N, C-alpha and C. Protein backbone atom coordinates (compact mmCIF):
# COMPACT_ATOMS: atom_id res chain seq x y z
N UNK A 1 89.46 67.56 96.51
CA UNK A 1 89.64 68.82 96.79
C UNK A 1 88.86 69.88 95.83
N UNK A 2 88.65 71.09 96.17
CA UNK A 2 87.39 71.46 95.40
C UNK A 2 88.49 72.98 95.06
N UNK A 3 88.65 72.64 94.16
CA UNK A 3 89.19 74.36 93.54
C UNK A 3 88.12 75.23 92.88
N UNK A 4 88.20 76.51 93.92
CA UNK A 4 87.37 77.54 93.59
C UNK A 4 88.04 78.21 92.78
N UNK A 5 86.69 78.86 92.00
CA UNK A 5 86.63 79.62 90.62
C UNK A 5 87.47 81.03 91.25
N UNK A 6 88.19 81.30 90.69
CA UNK A 6 89.22 82.52 91.26
C UNK A 6 88.30 83.66 90.92
N UNK A 7 87.52 83.81 89.58
CA UNK A 7 86.61 85.27 89.21
C UNK A 7 85.91 85.61 90.15
N UNK A 8 85.03 83.96 90.94
CA UNK A 8 83.91 84.21 91.56
C UNK A 8 84.81 84.57 93.56
N UNK A 9 85.53 84.18 93.62
CA UNK A 9 86.77 84.34 95.14
C UNK A 9 86.79 86.25 95.04
N UNK A 10 87.32 86.28 93.63
CA UNK A 10 87.56 87.61 93.71
C UNK A 10 86.44 88.83 93.50
N UNK A 11 85.53 88.50 92.91
CA UNK A 11 84.35 89.10 93.07
C UNK A 11 83.71 89.17 94.29
N UNK A 12 83.68 88.14 94.84
CA UNK A 12 83.06 88.52 96.24
C UNK A 12 83.57 89.20 97.14
N UNK A 13 85.06 89.20 97.04
CA UNK A 13 86.17 89.83 97.53
C UNK A 13 86.22 91.16 97.67
N UNK A 14 86.50 91.61 96.47
CA UNK A 14 85.78 92.69 96.01
C UNK A 14 85.06 93.78 96.62
N UNK A 15 84.13 93.04 96.60
CA UNK A 15 82.06 93.97 96.74
C UNK A 15 82.44 93.65 98.01
N UNK A 16 82.93 92.69 98.97
CA UNK A 16 82.59 92.85 100.80
C UNK A 16 83.62 93.25 101.34
N UNK A 17 84.61 93.81 100.31
CA UNK A 17 86.19 94.64 101.23
C UNK A 17 85.43 96.18 100.84
N UNK A 18 84.85 96.07 99.47
CA UNK A 18 84.01 97.57 99.47
C UNK A 18 83.04 98.30 100.38
N UNK A 19 82.10 97.04 100.58
CA UNK A 19 81.27 96.99 101.60
C UNK A 19 81.97 97.36 102.88
N UNK A 20 82.29 96.98 103.05
CA UNK A 20 83.71 97.35 105.10
C UNK A 20 83.91 98.87 104.56
N UNK A 21 84.27 99.31 103.52
CA UNK A 21 84.68 100.79 103.69
C UNK A 21 83.57 102.01 103.52
N UNK A 22 81.95 101.43 103.18
CA UNK A 22 81.21 102.08 102.99
C UNK A 22 81.10 102.64 101.13
N UNK A 23 82.33 101.99 100.05
CA UNK A 23 82.24 102.41 99.23
C UNK A 23 81.12 101.90 98.06
N UNK A 24 80.39 102.81 96.90
CA UNK A 24 79.52 102.41 96.08
C UNK A 24 80.62 101.96 94.64
N UNK A 25 79.59 101.24 93.58
CA UNK A 25 81.20 100.92 93.08
C UNK A 25 81.84 102.15 91.89
N UNK A 26 80.75 103.23 91.80
CA UNK A 26 81.19 104.65 91.27
C UNK A 26 82.24 105.24 92.11
N UNK A 27 82.12 104.83 93.56
CA UNK A 27 83.29 105.72 94.51
C UNK A 27 84.47 104.71 94.36
N UNK A 28 84.30 103.47 94.44
CA UNK A 28 85.58 102.44 93.57
C UNK A 28 86.15 102.47 92.79
N UNK A 29 85.29 103.03 91.76
CA UNK A 29 85.55 102.82 90.08
C UNK A 29 86.48 104.37 90.29
N UNK A 30 85.70 105.22 90.32
CA UNK A 30 86.65 106.62 90.57
C UNK A 30 88.07 106.51 91.26
N UNK A 31 87.84 105.70 92.62
CA UNK A 31 89.41 106.25 93.42
C UNK A 31 90.82 105.16 92.45
N UNK A 32 89.83 104.14 91.62
CA UNK A 32 90.91 103.42 90.89
C UNK A 32 91.20 104.05 89.63
N UNK A 33 90.40 104.63 89.13
CA UNK A 33 90.47 105.49 87.77
C UNK A 33 89.63 104.42 86.94
N UNK A 34 89.06 103.72 87.11
CA UNK A 34 88.35 102.66 86.03
C UNK A 34 86.98 103.01 86.13
N UNK A 35 86.21 102.38 85.52
CA UNK A 35 84.54 102.79 84.95
C UNK A 35 83.78 102.19 86.07
N UNK A 36 82.85 102.25 85.89
CA UNK A 36 82.02 101.70 87.38
C UNK A 36 81.79 99.99 86.85
N UNK A 37 81.32 100.65 85.35
CA UNK A 37 81.12 99.14 84.87
C UNK A 37 81.60 98.21 84.88
N UNK A 38 83.21 97.89 85.33
CA UNK A 38 84.21 97.27 85.15
C UNK A 38 84.19 96.73 86.52
N UNK A 39 83.84 97.28 87.26
CA UNK A 39 84.24 96.87 88.96
C UNK A 39 82.89 96.40 88.93
N UNK A 40 81.67 96.87 88.59
CA UNK A 40 80.10 95.62 88.41
C UNK A 40 81.07 94.62 87.43
N UNK A 41 81.29 94.49 86.46
CA UNK A 41 81.66 93.11 85.48
C UNK A 41 82.73 91.86 86.74
N UNK A 42 84.09 92.95 87.18
CA UNK A 42 84.45 91.98 88.28
C UNK A 42 83.65 91.52 89.70
N UNK A 43 82.98 91.97 89.95
CA UNK A 43 82.00 91.86 90.67
C UNK A 43 80.80 90.78 90.92
N UNK A 44 80.63 90.68 89.34
CA UNK A 44 79.76 89.62 88.30
C UNK A 44 80.56 88.61 87.92
N UNK A 45 82.17 88.23 88.27
CA UNK A 45 82.84 87.23 88.22
C UNK A 45 82.84 87.07 86.03
N UNK A 46 83.14 88.75 86.04
CA UNK A 46 82.94 88.33 84.30
C UNK A 46 84.79 89.15 83.58
N UNK A 47 85.15 88.53 82.53
CA UNK A 47 86.56 89.32 82.15
C UNK A 47 87.67 88.92 83.45
N UNK A 48 88.70 89.24 82.68
CA UNK A 48 90.37 89.26 83.39
C UNK A 48 90.51 90.23 83.93
N UNK A 49 91.27 89.95 85.05
CA UNK A 49 91.55 91.55 85.61
C UNK A 49 93.34 91.31 85.70
N UNK A 50 93.86 92.42 84.90
CA UNK A 50 95.32 92.58 85.37
C UNK A 50 95.60 92.93 86.44
N UNK A 51 97.08 92.23 86.80
CA UNK A 51 97.56 91.97 87.83
C UNK A 51 98.02 93.66 88.71
N UNK A 52 98.33 94.63 87.99
CA UNK A 52 98.08 96.00 88.18
C UNK A 52 96.63 96.54 88.89
N UNK A 53 96.24 96.20 88.25
CA UNK A 53 94.32 96.23 88.09
C UNK A 53 94.16 95.77 89.83
N UNK A 54 94.31 94.30 89.65
CA UNK A 54 94.36 93.84 91.14
C UNK A 54 95.02 94.59 92.26
N UNK A 55 96.26 95.09 92.19
CA UNK A 55 97.26 95.70 92.64
C UNK A 55 96.41 97.42 93.75
N UNK A 56 96.38 97.86 92.35
CA UNK A 56 95.06 98.82 92.34
C UNK A 56 94.12 99.11 93.59
N UNK A 57 93.51 98.04 92.90
CA UNK A 57 92.47 98.07 94.07
C UNK A 57 92.27 97.85 95.28
N UNK A 58 93.17 96.51 95.65
CA UNK A 58 93.49 96.45 96.82
C UNK A 58 93.89 97.44 97.52
N UNK A 59 94.73 98.45 97.13
CA UNK A 59 95.19 99.76 97.60
C UNK A 59 94.37 100.25 97.86
N UNK A 60 93.61 100.92 97.10
CA UNK A 60 92.21 101.64 97.54
C UNK A 60 91.35 101.33 98.30
N UNK A 61 91.52 99.95 98.60
CA UNK A 61 90.69 99.23 99.77
C UNK A 61 91.47 99.13 101.22
N UNK A 62 92.67 99.27 100.86
CA UNK A 62 93.62 99.49 102.31
C UNK A 62 93.92 98.02 102.73
N UNK A 63 93.86 97.31 101.81
CA UNK A 63 94.45 95.64 102.30
C UNK A 63 95.02 95.47 101.47
N UNK A 64 95.66 94.16 101.68
CA UNK A 64 96.99 93.13 100.70
C UNK A 64 96.11 92.73 99.78
N UNK A 65 96.71 92.88 98.60
CA UNK A 65 96.06 91.91 97.36
C UNK A 65 95.97 91.08 97.48
N UNK A 66 96.89 89.88 97.86
CA UNK A 66 96.28 88.42 98.06
C UNK A 66 95.39 88.34 99.01
N UNK A 67 94.72 89.01 99.56
CA UNK A 67 93.19 88.97 100.33
C UNK A 67 91.90 88.78 98.90
N UNK A 68 92.31 89.70 98.08
CA UNK A 68 91.21 89.59 97.05
C UNK A 68 91.12 87.95 96.15
N UNK A 69 91.95 87.55 96.28
CA UNK A 69 92.17 86.27 95.60
C UNK A 69 91.97 84.69 96.31
N UNK A 70 92.21 85.25 97.55
CA UNK A 70 91.99 84.53 99.08
C UNK A 70 90.17 83.08 99.34
N UNK A 71 89.69 82.39 99.04
CA UNK A 71 88.91 82.35 99.72
C UNK A 71 88.64 81.83 101.30
N UNK A 72 87.28 83.14 101.14
CA UNK A 72 87.40 83.06 102.19
C UNK A 72 85.44 83.21 103.04
N UNK A 73 85.43 83.01 104.25
CA UNK A 73 84.16 82.43 104.66
C UNK A 73 83.54 84.52 105.13
N UNK A 74 82.41 85.12 104.01
CA UNK A 74 82.26 86.21 104.77
C UNK A 74 80.72 86.35 104.81
N UNK A 75 80.74 87.26 105.65
CA UNK A 75 78.90 87.57 106.12
C UNK A 75 78.41 87.99 104.80
N UNK A 76 76.99 87.62 105.21
CA UNK A 76 75.72 88.37 104.19
C UNK A 76 76.00 89.47 103.93
N UNK A 77 76.00 89.74 102.82
CA UNK A 77 76.54 91.41 102.54
C UNK A 77 74.44 92.11 102.03
N UNK A 78 74.36 92.90 102.55
CA UNK A 78 73.07 93.70 101.74
C UNK A 78 73.39 93.84 100.46
N UNK A 79 72.66 94.24 99.79
CA UNK A 79 72.38 94.42 98.10
C UNK A 79 72.98 95.68 97.86
N UNK A 80 72.93 96.73 98.52
CA UNK A 80 73.35 97.82 98.10
C UNK A 80 74.03 98.31 99.65
N UNK A 81 75.27 99.33 98.79
CA UNK A 81 75.79 100.04 100.47
C UNK A 81 75.17 101.34 100.58
N UNK A 82 74.77 101.01 101.77
CA UNK A 82 74.00 102.21 102.50
C UNK A 82 74.31 103.64 102.02
N UNK A 83 73.41 104.06 101.26
CA UNK A 83 73.45 105.50 100.20
C UNK A 83 73.18 106.89 101.95
N UNK A 84 74.51 107.65 101.74
CA UNK A 84 74.04 108.77 102.38
C UNK A 84 73.39 109.64 102.31
């Protein structure tokens, strides 16, 4: 049985749900009271994330926190959120 790298799963899911609601990393960071660099690090599988921060990100993304750590098959995303 293959065990997923939790950081890769988390990073991919944060990016996917961020794209779904159309936030840039900067917008998500501002709403979560985090730095854009921290959001970038999460999406690029770096560092550790406290459970409270995971909960805050999920809340801002309007999803249940468990969805951020659940391995999923997402459609391919563009490199950037459509900047309006």
